[in-house]
Structures are given as structure tokens and as C-alpha cells.
């Protein structure tokens, strides 16, 4: 298992954090996700044999502001 920390912007409440956690957990190969909206970051545990964090980081950045 690998760990990644993602910086987030605009997360303003626990409900937003919960929605982000659910979305990240739905990615095949992601084992766990915890969002801290106060720190504006997500901690993700994933199987690098099943997913590549570069893909979901690139996707998130490409959708910024939408």
C-alpha cells in the first residue's frame, strides 16, 4: 500500500469533506481516504498496482473550479 497527501482548496464544511472522501474511495484501488477540511488536505491509502495517484491528481486539477 502507498500513501498520498493531496492539497485541497475550497473545502468549507464537514459535508464537503465527506463528499470528497466518498468520491476518492470510489476509485478502484483506493483503500482509505480521510479529508481534513481545516487543513485542506486528503490523506489517501491506495494499492499502486491497481491505481496510479498521478491519474486522479491530474483529473482533480483539470476539474478545478468546475
C-alpha atoms as a PDB file:
ATOM      1  CA  UNK A   1       0.000   0.000   0.000  1.00  0.00           C
ATOM      2  CA  UNK A   2       1.068   3.543  -0.750  1.00  0.00           C
ATOM      3  CA  UNK A   3       0.082   6.799   0.941  1.00  0.00           C
ATOM      4  CA  UNK A   4      -0.539  10.154  -0.690  1.00  0.00           C
ATOM      5  CA  UNK A   5      -1.451  13.550   0.699  1.00  0.00           C
ATOM      6  CA  UNK A   6      -3.469  15.801  -1.583  1.00  0.00           C
ATOM      7  CA  UNK A   7      -3.852  19.542  -1.074  1.00  0.00           C
ATOM      8  CA  UNK A   8      -7.445  20.704  -1.440  1.00  0.00           C
ATOM      9  CA  UNK A   9      -8.914  24.175  -1.893  1.00  0.00           C
ATOM     10  CA  UNK A  10     -12.361  25.459  -1.039  1.00  0.00           C
ATOM     11  CA  UNK A  11     -13.422  22.714   1.359  1.00  0.00           C
ATOM     12  CA  UNK A  12     -15.504  24.639   3.867  1.00  0.00           C
ATOM     13  CA  UNK A  13     -17.517  22.099   5.839  1.00  0.00           C
ATOM     14  CA  UNK A  14     -17.727  18.524   7.085  1.00  0.00           C
ATOM     15  CA  UNK A  15     -20.350  17.647   4.451  1.00  0.00           C
ATOM     16  CA  UNK A  16     -17.974  18.758   1.673  1.00  0.00           C
ATOM     17  CA  UNK A  17     -15.183  16.685   3.232  1.00  0.00           C
ATOM     18  CA  UNK A  18     -17.483  13.660   3.412  1.00  0.00           C
ATOM     19  CA  UNK A  19     -18.426  14.018  -0.277  1.00  0.00           C
ATOM     20  CA  UNK A  20     -14.760  14.223  -1.276  1.00  0.00           C
ATOM     21  CA  UNK A  21     -13.887  11.164   0.833  1.00  0.00           C
ATOM     22  CA  UNK A  22     -16.715   9.190  -0.792  1.00  0.00           C
ATOM     23  CA  UNK A  23     -15.607  10.196  -4.296  1.00  0.00           C
ATOM     24  CA  UNK A  24     -11.965   9.289  -3.674  1.00  0.00           C
ATOM     25  CA  UNK A  25     -12.883   5.976  -2.019  1.00  0.00           C
ATOM     26  CA  UNK A  26     -14.902   5.059  -5.122  1.00  0.00           C
ATOM     27  CA  UNK A  27     -11.698   4.949  -7.205  1.00  0.00           C
ATOM     28  CA  UNK A  28     -10.640   1.369  -7.862  1.00  0.00           C
ATOM     29  CA  UNK A  29      -7.530   0.594  -5.814  1.00  0.00           C
ATOM     30  CA  UNK A  30      -8.139   3.221  -3.122  1.00  0.00           C
ATOM     31  CA  UNK A  31      -8.313   1.543   0.269  1.00  0.00           C
ATOM     32  CA  UNK A  32      -8.923   4.565   2.525  1.00  0.00           C
ATOM     33  CA  UNK A  33      -9.343   8.322   2.430  1.00  0.00           C
ATOM     34  CA  UNK A  34      -9.573  10.889   5.188  1.00  0.00           C
ATOM     35  CA  UNK A  35     -10.209  14.584   4.486  1.00  0.00           C
ATOM     36  CA  UNK A  36      -9.306  17.319   6.961  1.00  0.00           C
ATOM     37  CA  UNK A  37     -11.170  20.388   5.743  1.00  0.00           C
ATOM     38  CA  UNK A  38      -9.441  22.670   8.268  1.00  0.00           C
ATOM     39  CA  UNK A  39      -6.017  21.679   6.902  1.00  0.00           C
ATOM     40  CA  UNK A  40      -7.412  21.497   3.340  1.00  0.00           C
ATOM     41  CA  UNK A  41      -5.873  18.101   2.637  1.00  0.00           C
ATOM     42  CA  UNK A  42      -6.806  14.499   1.958  1.00  0.00           C
ATOM     43  CA  UNK A  43      -4.792  11.504   3.111  1.00  0.00           C
ATOM     44  CA  UNK A  44      -5.225   8.549   0.766  1.00  0.00           C
ATOM     45  CA  UNK A  45      -4.081   4.932   1.107  1.00  0.00           C
ATOM     46  CA  UNK A  46      -4.082   3.048  -2.187  1.00  0.00           C
ATOM     47  CA  UNK A  47      -2.757  -0.020  -3.977  1.00  0.00           C
ATOM     48  CA  UNK A  48      -0.273   1.245  -6.580  1.00  0.00           C
ATOM     49  CA  UNK A  49      -0.757  -1.986  -8.512  1.00  0.00           C
ATOM     50  CA  UNK A  50      -4.418  -1.091  -9.092  1.00  0.00           C
ATOM     51  CA  UNK A  51      -4.321   2.688  -9.473  1.00  0.00           C
ATOM     52  CA  UNK A  52      -1.867   5.493 -10.079  1.00  0.00           C
ATOM     53  CA  UNK A  53      -2.191   8.619  -7.939  1.00  0.00           C
ATOM     54  CA  UNK A  54      -0.943  10.746 -10.841  1.00  0.00           C
ATOM     55  CA  UNK A  55      -4.165   9.961 -12.707  1.00  0.00           C
ATOM     56  CA  UNK A  56      -6.527  11.166 -10.005  1.00  0.00           C
ATOM     57  CA  UNK A  57      -4.370  14.172  -9.098  1.00  0.00           C
ATOM     58  CA  UNK A  58      -4.291  15.236 -12.762  1.00  0.00           C
ATOM     59  CA  UNK A  59      -8.059  14.708 -13.044  1.00  0.00           C
ATOM     60  CA  UNK A  60      -8.745  16.752  -9.912  1.00  0.00           C
ATOM     61  CA  UNK A  61      -6.560  19.606 -11.136  1.00  0.00           C
ATOM     62  CA  UNK A  62      -8.212  19.509 -14.551  1.00  0.00           C
ATOM     63  CA  UNK A  63     -11.636  19.900 -12.962  1.00  0.00           C
ATOM     64  CA  UNK A  64     -10.673  22.710 -10.614  1.00  0.00           C
ATOM     65  CA  UNK A  65     -13.280  25.445 -10.466  1.00  0.00           C
ATOM     66  CA  UNK A  66     -15.981  23.450 -12.243  1.00  0.00           C
END
